[in-house]
Amino acid sequence: MATIYQVSELAGVSLATVSRVMNNSPRVSDTTRTKVLAAMEQLGYRPNSIAQSLASNRSNSVGILVSELHGPFYGEMLSGIENECRAAGKHVIIAAGHSEEASEIDGIEFLISRSCDALILHVEAVSDDYLIKLAEGKLPIVLINRYIPQLAANCICLNNELGGYLATRQLLQQGHRQLAYIAGPMWKSDAKDRYAGHLRAMAEYGVKVNPALFAEGDFQDSSGSRCMQQLLDSGLAFTALVCANDEMAAGAIETARQRGLNLPQQLSIVGFDNLILARYIHPKLTTIDYPIGEMGRMAARWVLKNIYQQQTIRLKNVFEPALICRESACHFDAANQTA
């Protein structure tokens, strides 16, 4: 199998010049380019990524750290990133941080050791100070679903507070006044922001928040089921439920139906994320659209523009959520309530 060294010898040029030809660098004359291409053809040489990186000092790989690898949310995000990178001739290396500080740092250090050209990070446990210091280094980073004022230009995030507001406002507009809430882990910024939006909507409509109708889950469907049992066992009346994500909403719906509730007539439910499952559970879930796939693609475009100099790309840093109305929430009808 021919090597880049043999190509350089046959063409009578340096290794760096061969690499520039393979990377379509404008710093190579037409005459030299022709010589190198002829040598490659004569030897049957096929470029590889290592050879192509010699002149550009790039590995053409992008590191991605996500909280988890399972579930439709992360799958959609990773697919968006990978598709965008692959279309530009770049590859991705993926690690998981599991929402633990030590694991996230370990994952970041692993990706750095793989000579990635940039890092796309969906991290929750590491501090803002850690990320600010990381960004001051030589390796560029872009953050998904994390906003740090000092790194605003490097953040691709959702307006989670607005999403929480829209979810609760929908139920309030439908006449509900006894609302329960299942939150994500409240140490996470997106969970806190969504709940802040819930509180803003309640205050806007002059509805008092009952702390006993609040339960904290972990964004998994099993916690949605557990929290729903907790709320029903409290004996307190509520006609509507806001869930901080679709997976917990799915668990809550299953438990509510097992407890004999007629949905949505006796209990309206709104989720958050607009995962594919929202269209197929029964009743079909009213939810907040979280364009995580597009945000993943935007993070990849940030890398392509800032690292690989694709200057025509237009970037968007803040995405707005949108209400998706389906069948799981309806207007309050006191005649149908059993509580």
C-alpha atoms as a PDB file:
ATOM      1  CA  MET A   1       0.000   0.000   0.000  1.00  0.00           C
ATOM      2  CA  ALA A   2       1.445   3.365  -1.018  1.00  0.00           C
ATOM      3  CA  THR A   3       2.255   5.946   1.665  1.00  0.00           C
ATOM      4  CA  ILE A   4       2.330   9.715   1.777  1.00  0.00           C
ATOM      5  CA  TYR A   5       6.103   9.503   2.021  1.00  0.00           C
ATOM      6  CA  GLN A   6       6.288   7.695  -1.339  1.00  0.00           C
ATOM      7  CA  VAL A   7       4.011  10.316  -2.875  1.00  0.00           C
ATOM      8  CA  SER A   8       6.274  13.118  -1.654  1.00  0.00           C
ATOM      9  CA  GLU A   9       9.382  11.380  -3.002  1.00  0.00           C
ATOM     10  CA  LEU A  10       7.874  10.667  -6.412  1.00  0.00           C
ATOM     11  CA  ALA A  11       6.516  14.205  -6.751  1.00  0.00           C
ATOM     12  CA  GLY A  12       9.733  15.717  -5.392  1.00  0.00           C
ATOM     13  CA  VAL A  13       7.945  17.815  -2.761  1.00  0.00           C
ATOM     14  CA  SER A  14       7.698  17.901   1.023  1.00  0.00           C
ATOM     15  CA  LEU A  15       5.187  15.985   3.125  1.00  0.00           C
ATOM     16  CA  ALA A  16       3.567  19.286   4.066  1.00  0.00           C
ATOM     17  CA  THR A  17       3.028  20.137   0.404  1.00  0.00           C
ATOM     18  CA  VAL A  18       1.353  16.783  -0.240  1.00  0.00           C
ATOM     19  CA  SER A  19      -0.911  17.416   2.748  1.00  0.00           C
ATOM     20  CA  ARG A  20      -1.779  20.883   1.449  1.00  0.00           C
ATOM     21  CA  VAL A  21      -2.815  19.390  -1.859  1.00  0.00           C
ATOM     22  CA  MET A  22      -5.042  16.837  -0.094  1.00  0.00           C
ATOM     23  CA  ASN A  23      -6.604  19.642   1.947  1.00  0.00           C
ATOM     24  CA  ASN A  24      -7.157  21.811  -1.173  1.00  0.00           C
ATOM     25  CA  SER A  25      -4.987  24.571   0.247  1.00  0.00           C
ATOM     26  CA  PRO A  26      -4.676  27.677  -1.966  1.00  0.00           C
ATOM     27  CA  ARG A  27      -1.005  27.890  -0.915  1.00  0.00           C
ATOM     28  CA  VAL A  28      -0.031  25.348  -3.599  1.00  0.00           C
ATOM     29  CA  SER A  29       0.741  26.309  -7.222  1.00  0.00           C
ATOM     30  CA  ASP A  30      -1.137  24.626 -10.050  1.00  0.00           C
ATOM     31  CA  THR A  31       2.062  23.042 -11.300  1.00  0.00           C
ATOM     32  CA  THR A  32       2.907  21.508  -7.939  1.00  0.00           C
ATOM     33  CA  ARG A  33      -0.685  20.376  -7.398  1.00  0.00           C
ATOM     34  CA  THR A  34      -0.637  18.609 -10.768  1.00  0.00           C
ATOM     35  CA  LYS A  35       2.633  16.828  -9.898  1.00  0.00           C
ATOM     36  CA  VAL A  36       1.311  15.629  -6.555  1.00  0.00           C
ATOM     37  CA  LEU A  37      -2.001  14.415  -7.972  1.00  0.00           C
ATOM     38  CA  ALA A  38      -0.167  12.570 -10.752  1.00  0.00           C
ATOM     39  CA  ALA A  39       2.081  10.860  -8.190  1.00  0.00           C
ATOM     40  CA  MET A  40      -0.922   9.843  -6.110  1.00  0.00           C
ATOM     41  CA  GLU A  41      -2.617   8.370  -9.171  1.00  0.00           C
ATOM     42  CA  GLN A  42       0.511   6.525 -10.308  1.00  0.00           C
ATOM     43  CA  LEU A  43       1.002   4.968  -6.851  1.00  0.00           C
ATOM     44  CA  GLY A  44      -2.701   4.314  -6.282  1.00  0.00           C
ATOM     45  CA  TYR A  45      -2.490   6.332  -3.071  1.00  0.00           C
ATOM     46  CA  ARG A  46      -5.665   6.999  -1.099  1.00  0.00           C
ATOM     47  CA  PRO A  47      -5.425   9.822   1.474  1.00  0.00           C
ATOM     48  CA  ASN A  48      -6.160   9.106   5.125  1.00  0.00           C
ATOM     49  CA  SER A  49      -7.137  11.467   7.884  1.00  0.00           C
ATOM     50  CA  ILE A  50      -3.717  11.402   9.555  1.00  0.00           C
ATOM     51  CA  ALA A  51      -1.953  12.445   6.386  1.00  0.00           C
ATOM     52  CA  GLN A  52      -4.513  15.150   5.689  1.00  0.00           C
ATOM     53  CA  SER A  53      -3.987  16.644   9.145  1.00  0.00           C
ATOM     54  CA  LEU A  54      -0.225  17.133   8.779  1.00  0.00           C
ATOM     55  CA  ALA A  55      -0.415  20.501   7.026  1.00  0.00           C
ATOM     56  CA  SER A  56      -3.598  21.820   8.625  1.00  0.00           C
ATOM     57  CA  ASN A  57      -2.653  20.768  12.169  1.00  0.00           C
ATOM     58  CA  ARG A  58      -6.219  19.482  12.494  1.00  0.00           C
ATOM     59  CA  SER A  59      -7.476  16.006  13.345  1.00  0.00           C
ATOM     60  CA  ASN A  60     -10.816  16.682  11.602  1.00  0.00           C
ATOM     61  CA  SER A  61     -12.543  15.201  14.649  1.00  0.00           C
ATOM     62  CA  VAL A  62     -14.929  16.885  17.078  1.00  0.00           C
ATOM     63  CA  GLY A  63     -15.373  15.701  20.663  1.00  0.00           C
ATOM     64  CA  ILE A  64     -18.873  15.484  22.139  1.00  0.00           C
ATOM     65  CA  LEU A  65     -19.691  15.044  25.803  1.00  0.00           C
ATOM     66  CA  VAL A  66     -23.334  14.388  26.716  1.00  0.00           C
ATOM     67  CA  SER A  67     -25.012  13.574  30.004  1.00  0.00           C
ATOM     68  CA  GLU A  68     -26.305  10.187  28.823  1.00  0.00           C
ATOM     69  CA  LEU A  69     -26.313   8.052  25.702  1.00  0.00           C
ATOM     70  CA  HIS A  70     -29.767   6.516  26.135  1.00  0.00           C
ATOM     71  CA  GLY A  71     -33.149   8.021  25.344  1.00  0.00           C
ATOM     72  CA  PRO A  72     -34.639   9.919  22.409  1.00  0.00           C
ATOM     73  CA  PHE A  73     -33.525  13.356  23.642  1.00  0.00           C
ATOM     74  CA  TYR A  74     -29.814  12.605  23.489  1.00  0.00           C
ATOM     75  CA  GLY A  75     -30.201  10.482  20.370  1.00  0.00           C
ATOM     76  CA  GLU A  76     -31.754  13.387  18.489  1.00  0.00           C
ATOM     77  CA  MET A  77     -29.081  15.799  19.688  1.00  0.00           C
ATOM     78  CA  LEU A  78     -26.200  13.475  18.767  1.00  0.00           C
ATOM     79  CA  SER A  79     -27.739  12.709  15.397  1.00  0.00           C
ATOM     80  CA  GLY A  80     -27.998  16.418  14.610  1.00  0.00           C
ATOM     81  CA  ILE A  81     -24.351  17.014  15.500  1.00  0.00           C
ATOM     82  CA  GLU A  82     -23.013  13.965  13.675  1.00  0.00           C
ATOM     83  CA  ASN A  83     -25.001  14.602  10.491  1.00  0.00           C
ATOM     84  CA  GLU A  84     -23.760  18.171  10.254  1.00  0.00           C
ATOM     85  CA  CYS A  85     -20.147  17.200  10.950  1.00  0.00           C
ATOM     86  CA  ARG A  86     -20.191  14.247   8.571  1.00  0.00           C
ATOM     87  CA  ALA A  87     -21.564  16.391   5.744  1.00  0.00           C
ATOM     88  CA  ALA A  88     -18.524  18.646   6.217  1.00  0.00           C
ATOM     89  CA  GLY A  89     -16.085  15.732   6.211  1.00  0.00           C
ATOM     90  CA  LYS A  90     -15.533  15.735   9.983  1.00  0.00           C
ATOM     91  CA  HIS A  91     -15.923  12.880  12.443  1.00  0.00           C
ATOM     92  CA  VAL A  92     -17.126  12.813  16.042  1.00  0.00           C
ATOM     93  CA  ILE A  93     -15.852  11.149  19.218  1.00  0.00           C
ATOM     94  CA  ILE A  94     -18.503  10.724  21.917  1.00  0.00           C
ATOM     95  CA  ALA A  95     -18.236  10.367  25.705  1.00  0.00           C
ATOM     96  CA  ALA A  96     -20.832  10.444  28.502  1.00  0.00           C
ATOM     97  CA  GLY A  97     -20.634  12.456  31.720  1.00  0.00           C
ATOM     98  CA  HIS A  98     -23.660  11.012  33.589  1.00  0.00           C
ATOM     99  CA  SER A  99     -24.348  14.382  35.256  1.00  0.00           C
ATOM    100  CA  GLU A 100     -21.512  13.799  37.739  1.00  0.00           C
ATOM    101  CA  GLU A 101     -18.701  16.318  38.113  1.00  0.00           C
ATOM    102  CA  ALA A 102     -15.869  13.778  38.216  1.00  0.00           C
ATOM    103  CA  SER A 103     -17.276  11.861  35.240  1.00  0.00           C
ATOM    104  CA  GLU A 104     -17.750  15.028  33.203  1.00  0.00           C
ATOM    105  CA  ILE A 105     -14.184  16.178  33.879  1.00  0.00           C
ATOM    106  CA  ASP A 106     -12.865  12.702  33.058  1.00  0.00           C
ATOM    107  CA  GLY A 107     -14.826  12.702  29.797  1.00  0.00           C
ATOM    108  CA  ILE A 108     -13.523  16.140  28.834  1.00  0.00           C
ATOM    109  CA  GLU A 109      -9.931  15.122  29.565  1.00  0.00           C
ATOM    110  CA  PHE A 110     -10.399  11.970  27.485  1.00  0.00           C
ATOM    111  CA  LEU A 111     -11.642  13.984  24.508  1.00  0.00           C
ATOM    112  CA  ILE A 112      -8.748  16.418  24.852  1.00  0.00           C
ATOM    113  CA  SER A 113      -6.342  13.466  24.797  1.00  0.00           C
ATOM    114  CA  ARG A 114      -7.844  12.338  21.478  1.00  0.00           C
ATOM    115  CA  SER A 115      -6.606  15.543  19.799  1.00  0.00           C
ATOM    116  CA  CYS A 116     -10.098  16.788  18.962  1.00  0.00           C
ATOM    117  CA  ASP A 117     -10.215  20.111  17.137  1.00  0.00           C
ATOM    118  CA  ALA A 118     -13.069  21.358  19.336  1.00  0.00           C
ATOM    119  CA  LEU A 119     -15.459  20.131  22.032  1.00  0.00           C
ATOM    120  CA  ILE A 120     -19.260  20.254  22.052  1.00  0.00           C
ATOM    121  CA  LEU A 121     -20.350  19.910  25.673  1.00  0.00           C
ATOM    122  CA  HIS A 122     -23.727  19.085  27.201  1.00  0.00           C
ATOM    123  CA  VAL A 123     -22.605  19.242  30.820  1.00  0.00           C
ATOM    124  CA  GLU A 124     -24.544  19.851  34.017  1.00  0.00           C
ATOM    125  CA  ALA A 125     -22.350  19.116  37.036  1.00  0.00           C
ATOM    126  CA  VAL A 126     -19.117  21.004  36.336  1.00  0.00           C
ATOM    127  CA  SER A 127     -19.051  24.595  37.534  1.00  0.00           C
ATOM    128  CA  ASP A 128     -19.209  27.753  35.457  1.00  0.00           C
ATOM    129  CA  ASP A 129     -15.708  28.609  36.698  1.00  0.00           C
ATOM    130  CA  TYR A 130     -14.369  25.297  35.390  1.00  0.00           C
ATOM    131  CA  LEU A 131     -15.888  25.901  31.944  1.00  0.00           C
ATOM    132  CA  ILE A 132     -14.661  29.507  31.825  1.00  0.00           C
ATOM    133  CA  LYS A 133     -11.139  28.334  32.602  1.00  0.00           C
ATOM    134  CA  LEU A 134     -11.446  25.547  30.026  1.00  0.00           C
ATOM    135  CA  ALA A 135     -12.530  28.064  27.389  1.00  0.00           C
ATOM    136  CA  GLU A 136      -9.425  30.140  28.083  1.00  0.00           C
ATOM    137  CA  GLY A 137      -7.256  27.265  26.849  1.00  0.00           C
ATOM    138  CA  LYS A 138      -6.255  26.455  23.294  1.00  0.00           C
ATOM    139  CA  LEU A 139      -9.088  23.989  22.613  1.00  0.00           C
ATOM    140  CA  PRO A 140     -12.340  25.734  21.577  1.00  0.00           C
ATOM    141  CA  ILE A 141     -15.569  24.656  23.291  1.00  0.00           C
ATOM    142  CA  VAL A 142     -19.257  25.210  22.612  1.00  0.00           C
ATOM    143  CA  LEU A 143     -21.954  24.521  25.198  1.00  0.00           C
ATOM    144  CA  ILE A 144     -25.431  23.086  24.577  1.00  0.00           C
ATOM    145  CA  ASN A 145     -28.277  23.795  27.018  1.00  0.00           C
ATOM    146  CA  ARG A 146     -25.980  25.809  29.263  1.00  0.00           C
ATOM    147  CA  TYR A 147     -25.739  29.593  29.469  1.00  0.00           C
ATOM    148  CA  ILE A 148     -22.754  31.337  31.039  1.00  0.00           C
ATOM    149  CA  PRO A 149     -22.702  35.122  30.546  1.00  0.00           C
ATOM    150  CA  GLN A 150     -18.908  35.215  30.175  1.00  0.00           C
ATOM    151  CA  LEU A 151     -19.163  32.594  27.395  1.00  0.00           C
ATOM    152  CA  ALA A 152     -22.368  33.812  25.760  1.00  0.00           C
ATOM    153  CA  ALA A 153     -20.959  33.553  22.235  1.00  0.00           C
ATOM    154  CA  ASN A 154     -20.087  29.889  22.914  1.00  0.00           C
ATOM    155  CA  CYS A 155     -23.523  28.884  24.218  1.00  0.00           C
ATOM    156  CA  ILE A 156     -26.344  27.236  22.262  1.00  0.00           C
ATOM    157  CA  CYS A 157     -29.287  27.218  24.634  1.00  0.00           C
ATOM    158  CA  LEU A 158     -33.061  27.137  24.997  1.00  0.00           C
ATOM    159  CA  ASN A 159     -35.188  29.715  26.783  1.00  0.00           C
ATOM    160  CA  ASN A 160     -36.321  27.173  29.389  1.00  0.00           C
ATOM    161  CA  GLU A 161     -38.065  29.754  31.553  1.00  0.00           C
ATOM    162  CA  LEU A 162     -40.330  30.709  28.662  1.00  0.00           C
ATOM    163  CA  GLY A 163     -41.041  27.033  28.001  1.00  0.00           C
ATOM    164  CA  GLY A 164     -42.135  26.484  31.592  1.00  0.00           C
ATOM    165  CA  TYR A 165     -44.303  29.569  31.377  1.00  0.00           C
ATOM    166  CA  LEU A 166     -46.004  28.447  28.160  1.00  0.00           C
ATOM    167  CA  ALA A 167     -46.761  24.991  29.559  1.00  0.00           C
ATOM    168  CA  THR A 168     -48.482  26.324  32.670  1.00  0.00           C
ATOM    169  CA  ARG A 169     -50.191  29.206  30.890  1.00  0.00           C
ATOM    170  CA  GLN A 170     -51.863  26.741  28.534  1.00  0.00           C
ATOM    171  CA  LEU A 171     -53.559  24.980  31.448  1.00  0.00           C
ATOM    172  CA  LEU A 172     -54.487  28.256  33.117  1.00  0.00           C
ATOM    173  CA  GLN A 173     -56.028  29.495  29.870  1.00  0.00           C
ATOM    174  CA  GLN A 174     -58.084  26.296  29.799  1.00  0.00           C
ATOM    175  CA  GLY A 175     -59.601  27.216  33.160  1.00  0.00           C
ATOM    176  CA  HIS A 176     -57.524  25.069  35.513  1.00  0.00           C
ATOM    177  CA  ARG A 177     -56.626  26.587  38.871  1.00  0.00           C
ATOM    178  CA  GLN A 178     -55.546  23.542  40.897  1.00  0.00           C
ATOM    179  CA  LEU A 179     -52.228  22.659  39.314  1.00  0.00           C
ATOM    180  CA  ALA A 180     -49.626  20.112  40.390  1.00  0.00           C
ATOM    181  CA  TYR A 181     -46.036  20.150  39.183  1.00  0.00           C
ATOM    182  CA  ILE A 182     -43.431  17.414  38.661  1.00  0.00           C
ATOM    183  CA  ALA A 183     -39.985  18.990  38.354  1.00  0.00           C
ATOM    184  CA  GLY A 184     -36.669  17.674  37.150  1.00  0.00           C
ATOM    185  CA  PRO A 185     -33.709  17.640  39.559  1.00  0.00           C
ATOM    186  CA  MET A 186     -33.745  21.157  40.952  1.00  0.00           C
ATOM    187  CA  TRP A 187     -29.966  21.419  41.067  1.00  0.00           C
ATOM    188  CA  LYS A 188     -30.036  21.465  37.264  1.00  0.00           C
ATOM    189  CA  SER A 189     -30.404  24.870  35.631  1.00  0.00           C
ATOM    190  CA  ASP A 190     -32.981  23.770  33.055  1.00  0.00           C
ATOM    191  CA  ALA A 191     -35.217  22.274  35.770  1.00  0.00           C
ATOM    192  CA  LYS A 192     -34.957  25.461  37.840  1.00  0.00           C
ATOM    193  CA  ASP A 193     -35.683  27.685  34.854  1.00  0.00           C
ATOM    194  CA  ARG A 194     -38.732  25.672  33.803  1.00  0.00           C
ATOM    195  CA  TYR A 195     -40.147  25.847  37.312  1.00  0.00           C
ATOM    196  CA  ALA A 196     -39.473  29.594  37.398  1.00  0.00           C
ATOM    197  CA  GLY A 197     -41.582  29.900  34.255  1.00  0.00           C
ATOM    198  CA  HIS A 198     -44.342  27.886  35.946  1.00  0.00           C
ATOM    199  CA  LEU A 199     -44.286  30.269  38.911  1.00  0.00           C
ATOM    200  CA  ARG A 200     -44.411  33.298  36.598  1.00  0.00           C
ATOM    201  CA  ALA A 201     -47.542  32.010  34.884  1.00  0.00           C
ATOM    202  CA  MET A 202     -49.222  31.197  38.193  1.00  0.00           C
ATOM    203  CA  ALA A 203     -48.466  34.679  39.515  1.00  0.00           C
ATOM    204  CA  GLU A 204     -49.716  36.289  36.303  1.00  0.00           C
ATOM    205  CA  TYR A 205     -53.081  34.570  36.742  1.00  0.00           C
ATOM    206  CA  GLY A 206     -53.194  35.254  40.471  1.00  0.00           C
ATOM    207  CA  VAL A 207     -53.164  31.550  41.375  1.00  0.00           C
ATOM    208  CA  LYS A 208     -51.582  30.598  44.677  1.00  0.00           C
ATOM    209  CA  VAL A 209     -48.966  27.854  44.500  1.00  0.00           C
ATOM    210  CA  ASN A 210     -49.520  24.924  46.867  1.00  0.00           C
ATOM    211  CA  PRO A 211     -46.085  23.540  47.882  1.00  0.00           C
ATOM    212  CA  ALA A 212     -47.722  20.188  48.656  1.00  0.00           C
ATOM    213  CA  LEU A 213     -48.549  19.804  44.952  1.00  0.00           C
ATOM    214  CA  PHE A 214     -44.869  19.895  43.986  1.00  0.00           C
ATOM    215  CA  ALA A 215     -42.806  16.751  43.432  1.00  0.00           C
ATOM    216  CA  GLU A 216     -39.219  16.431  42.253  1.00  0.00           C
ATOM    217  CA  GLY A 217     -38.268  13.738  39.771  1.00  0.00           C
ATOM    218  CA  ASP A 218     -35.101  12.920  37.840  1.00  0.00           C
ATOM    219  CA  PHE A 219     -36.284  13.354  34.224  1.00  0.00           C
ATOM    220  CA  GLN A 220     -36.834   9.562  33.909  1.00  0.00           C
ATOM    221  CA  ASP A 221     -40.266   8.004  33.318  1.00  0.00           C
ATOM    222  CA  SER A 222     -40.026   5.946  36.514  1.00  0.00           C
ATOM    223  CA  SER A 223     -39.751   9.118  38.579  1.00  0.00           C
ATOM    224  CA  GLY A 224     -42.791  10.525  36.801  1.00  0.00           C
ATOM    225  CA  SER A 225     -44.713   7.461  37.943  1.00  0.00           C
ATOM    226  CA  ARG A 226     -43.361   7.731  41.493  1.00  0.00           C
ATOM    227  CA  CYS A 227     -44.133  11.440  41.745  1.00  0.00           C
ATOM    228  CA  MET A 228     -47.639  10.898  40.374  1.00  0.00           C
ATOM    229  CA  GLN A 229     -48.307   8.311  43.073  1.00  0.00           C
ATOM    230  CA  GLN A 230     -47.017  10.779  45.669  1.00  0.00           C
ATOM    231  CA  LEU A 231     -49.322  13.535  44.435  1.00  0.00           C
ATOM    232  CA  LEU A 232     -52.389  11.285  44.268  1.00  0.00           C
ATOM    233  CA  ASP A 233     -51.687   9.804  47.695  1.00  0.00           C
ATOM    234  CA  SER A 234     -51.554  13.303  49.197  1.00  0.00           C
ATOM    235  CA  GLY A 235     -55.329  13.467  48.910  1.00  0.00           C
ATOM    236  CA  LEU A 236     -55.131  17.013  47.584  1.00  0.00           C
ATOM    237  CA  ALA A 237     -57.308  17.952  44.645  1.00  0.00           C
ATOM    238  CA  PHE A 238     -55.715  18.971  41.358  1.00  0.00           C
ATOM    239  CA  THR A 239     -57.184  19.051  37.868  1.00  0.00           C
ATOM    240  CA  ALA A 240     -53.998  19.574  35.877  1.00  0.00           C
ATOM    241  CA  LEU A 241     -50.369  18.515  35.998  1.00  0.00           C
ATOM    242  CA  VAL A 242     -47.278  20.108  34.493  1.00  0.00           C
ATOM    243  CA  CYS A 243     -44.298  17.796  33.950  1.00  0.00           C
ATOM    244  CA  ALA A 244     -40.814  19.170  33.329  1.00  0.00           C
ATOM    245  CA  ASN A 245     -40.197  16.680  30.531  1.00  0.00           C
ATOM    246  CA  ASP A 246     -42.053  14.179  28.359  1.00  0.00           C
ATOM    247  CA  GLU A 247     -40.530  11.065  29.881  1.00  0.00           C
ATOM    248  CA  MET A 248     -41.833  11.956  33.339  1.00  0.00           C
ATOM    249  CA  ALA A 249     -45.163  12.880  31.773  1.00  0.00           C
ATOM    250  CA  ALA A 250     -45.350   9.403  30.218  1.00  0.00           C
ATOM    251  CA  GLY A 251     -44.759   7.795  33.605  1.00  0.00           C
ATOM    252  CA  ALA A 252     -47.336  10.061  35.227  1.00  0.00           C
ATOM    253  CA  ILE A 253     -49.929   9.233  32.564  1.00  0.00           C
ATOM    254  CA  GLU A 254     -49.446   5.504  33.035  1.00  0.00           C
ATOM    255  CA  THR A 255     -49.879   5.777  36.809  1.00  0.00           C
ATOM    256  CA  ALA A 256     -52.920   8.050  36.493  1.00  0.00           C
ATOM    257  CA  ARG A 257     -54.626   5.559  34.201  1.00  0.00           C
ATOM    258  CA  GLN A 258     -53.767   2.689  36.554  1.00  0.00           C
ATOM    259  CA  ARG A 259     -55.429   4.670  39.339  1.00  0.00           C
ATOM    260  CA  GLY A 260     -58.600   4.918  37.277  1.00  0.00           C
ATOM    261  CA  LEU A 261     -58.432   8.532  36.145  1.00  0.00           C
ATOM    262  CA  ASN A 262     -60.005   9.458  32.825  1.00  0.00           C
ATOM    263  CA  LEU A 263     -57.529  11.572  30.855  1.00  0.00           C
ATOM    264  CA  PRO A 264     -57.798  14.391  30.022  1.00  0.00           C
ATOM    265  CA  GLN A 265     -61.365  14.854  31.310  1.00  0.00           C
ATOM    266  CA  GLN A 266     -60.414  14.305  34.960  1.00  0.00           C
ATOM    267  CA  LEU A 267     -56.774  15.293  34.712  1.00  0.00           C
ATOM    268  CA  SER A 268     -55.007  17.363  32.062  1.00  0.00           C
ATOM    269  CA  ILE A 269     -51.260  16.876  31.596  1.00  0.00           C
ATOM    270  CA  VAL A 270     -48.621  18.934  29.771  1.00  0.00           C
ATOM    271  CA  GLY A 271     -45.041  17.795  29.153  1.00  0.00           C
ATOM    272  CA  PHE A 272     -41.834  19.360  27.882  1.00  0.00           C
ATOM    273  CA  ASP A 273     -39.434  18.370  25.022  1.00  0.00           C
ATOM    274  CA  ASN A 274     -41.799  17.161  22.265  1.00  0.00           C
ATOM    275  CA  LEU A 275     -40.044  13.808  22.006  1.00  0.00           C
ATOM    276  CA  ILE A 276     -41.300  11.341  19.421  1.00  0.00           C
ATOM    277  CA  LEU A 277     -43.081   9.384  22.180  1.00  0.00           C
ATOM    278  CA  ALA A 278     -45.349  12.403  22.763  1.00  0.00           C
ATOM    279  CA  ARG A 279     -47.162  11.613  19.513  1.00  0.00           C
ATOM    280  CA  TYR A 280     -47.797   7.972  20.351  1.00  0.00           C
ATOM    281  CA  ILE A 281     -48.714   7.712  24.031  1.00  0.00           C
ATOM    282  CA  HIS A 282     -52.402   7.853  24.916  1.00  0.00           C
ATOM    283  CA  PRO A 283     -53.669  10.471  25.103  1.00  0.00           C
ATOM    284  CA  LYS A 284     -51.266  12.184  22.717  1.00  0.00           C
ATOM    285  CA  LEU A 285     -49.223  14.592  24.782  1.00  0.00           C
ATOM    286  CA  THR A 286     -49.572  18.354  24.757  1.00  0.00           C
ATOM    287  CA  THR A 287     -46.032  19.556  25.273  1.00  0.00           C
ATOM    288  CA  ILE A 288     -43.359  22.184  24.701  1.00  0.00           C
ATOM    289  CA  ASP A 289     -41.212  21.787  21.623  1.00  0.00           C
ATOM    290  CA  TYR A 290     -37.506  21.658  22.448  1.00  0.00           C
ATOM    291  CA  PRO A 291     -35.639  21.726  19.101  1.00  0.00           C
ATOM    292  CA  ILE A 292     -32.669  19.771  20.436  1.00  0.00           C
ATOM    293  CA  GLY A 293     -31.831  18.264  17.040  1.00  0.00           C
ATOM    294  CA  GLU A 294     -31.555  21.709  15.469  1.00  0.00           C
ATOM    295  CA  MET A 295     -29.559  22.931  18.473  1.00  0.00           C
ATOM    296  CA  GLY A 296     -27.148  20.031  17.975  1.00  0.00           C
ATOM    297  CA  ARG A 297     -26.763  20.985  14.329  1.00  0.00           C
ATOM    298  CA  MET A 298     -26.181  24.599  15.347  1.00  0.00           C
ATOM    299  CA  ALA A 299     -23.436  23.567  17.771  1.00  0.00           C
ATOM    300  CA  ALA A 300     -21.774  21.671  14.928  1.00  0.00           C
ATOM    301  CA  ARG A 301     -22.112  24.728  12.688  1.00  0.00           C
ATOM    302  CA  TRP A 302     -20.467  26.835  15.417  1.00  0.00           C
ATOM    303  CA  VAL A 303     -17.477  24.507  15.193  1.00  0.00           C
ATOM    304  CA  LEU A 304     -17.452  24.542  11.396  1.00  0.00           C
ATOM    305  CA  LYS A 305     -17.479  28.333  11.328  1.00  0.00           C
ATOM    306  CA  ASN A 306     -15.091  29.084  14.178  1.00  0.00           C
ATOM    307  CA  ILE A 307     -12.652  26.202  13.774  1.00  0.00           C
ATOM    308  CA  TYR A 308     -12.838  25.135  10.145  1.00  0.00           C
ATOM    309  CA  GLN A 309     -13.362  28.650   8.792  1.00  0.00           C
ATOM    310  CA  GLN A 310     -16.665  28.081   6.996  1.00  0.00           C
ATOM    311  CA  GLN A 311     -17.473  31.769   7.278  1.00  0.00           C
ATOM    312  CA  THR A 312     -20.747  31.752   5.334  1.00  0.00           C
ATOM    313  CA  ILE A 313     -22.505  29.860   8.136  1.00  0.00           C
ATOM    314  CA  ARG A 314     -25.001  31.910  10.155  1.00  0.00           C
ATOM    315  CA  LEU A 315     -25.222  31.111  13.840  1.00  0.00           C
ATOM    316  CA  LYS A 316     -28.082  31.277  16.333  1.00  0.00           C
ATOM    317  CA  ASN A 317     -27.353  31.101  20.056  1.00  0.00           C
ATOM    318  CA  VAL A 318     -30.760  31.182  21.752  1.00  0.00           C
ATOM    319  CA  PHE A 319     -33.698  29.020  20.658  1.00  0.00           C
ATOM    320  CA  GLU A 320     -37.307  29.708  21.603  1.00  0.00           C
ATOM    321  CA  PRO A 321     -39.688  26.944  22.746  1.00  0.00           C
ATOM    322  CA  ALA A 322     -43.163  26.525  21.299  1.00  0.00           C
ATOM    323  CA  LEU A 323     -46.406  25.034  22.618  1.00  0.00           C
ATOM    324  CA  ILE A 324     -47.572  21.890  20.794  1.00  0.00           C
ATOM    325  CA  CYS A 325     -51.258  21.223  21.505  1.00  0.00           C
ATOM    326  CA  ARG A 326     -52.469  17.630  21.329  1.00  0.00           C
ATOM    327  CA  GLU A 327     -55.002  15.625  23.356  1.00  0.00           C
ATOM    328  CA  SER A 328     -53.697  15.342  26.931  1.00  0.00           C
ATOM    329  CA  ALA A 329     -54.942  18.760  28.065  1.00  0.00           C
ATOM    330  CA  CYS A 330     -58.475  20.097  27.775  1.00  0.00           C
ATOM    331  CA  HIS A 331     -60.678  22.828  29.205  1.00  0.00           C
ATOM    332  CA  PHE A 332     -61.632  22.400  32.823  1.00  0.00           C
ATOM    333  CA  ASP A 333     -65.113  20.998  33.241  1.00  0.00           C
ATOM    334  CA  ALA A 334     -66.235  20.853  36.860  1.00  0.00           C
ATOM    335  CA  ALA A 335     -69.029  18.413  35.973  1.00  0.00           C
ATOM    336  CA  ASN A 336     -66.466  15.764  35.045  1.00  0.00           C
ATOM    337  CA  GLN A 337     -64.335  16.121  38.175  1.00  0.00           C
ATOM    338  CA  THR A 338     -64.434  13.428  40.867  1.00  0.00           C
ATOM    339  CA  ALA A 339     -62.041  15.085  43.319  1.00  0.00           C
END
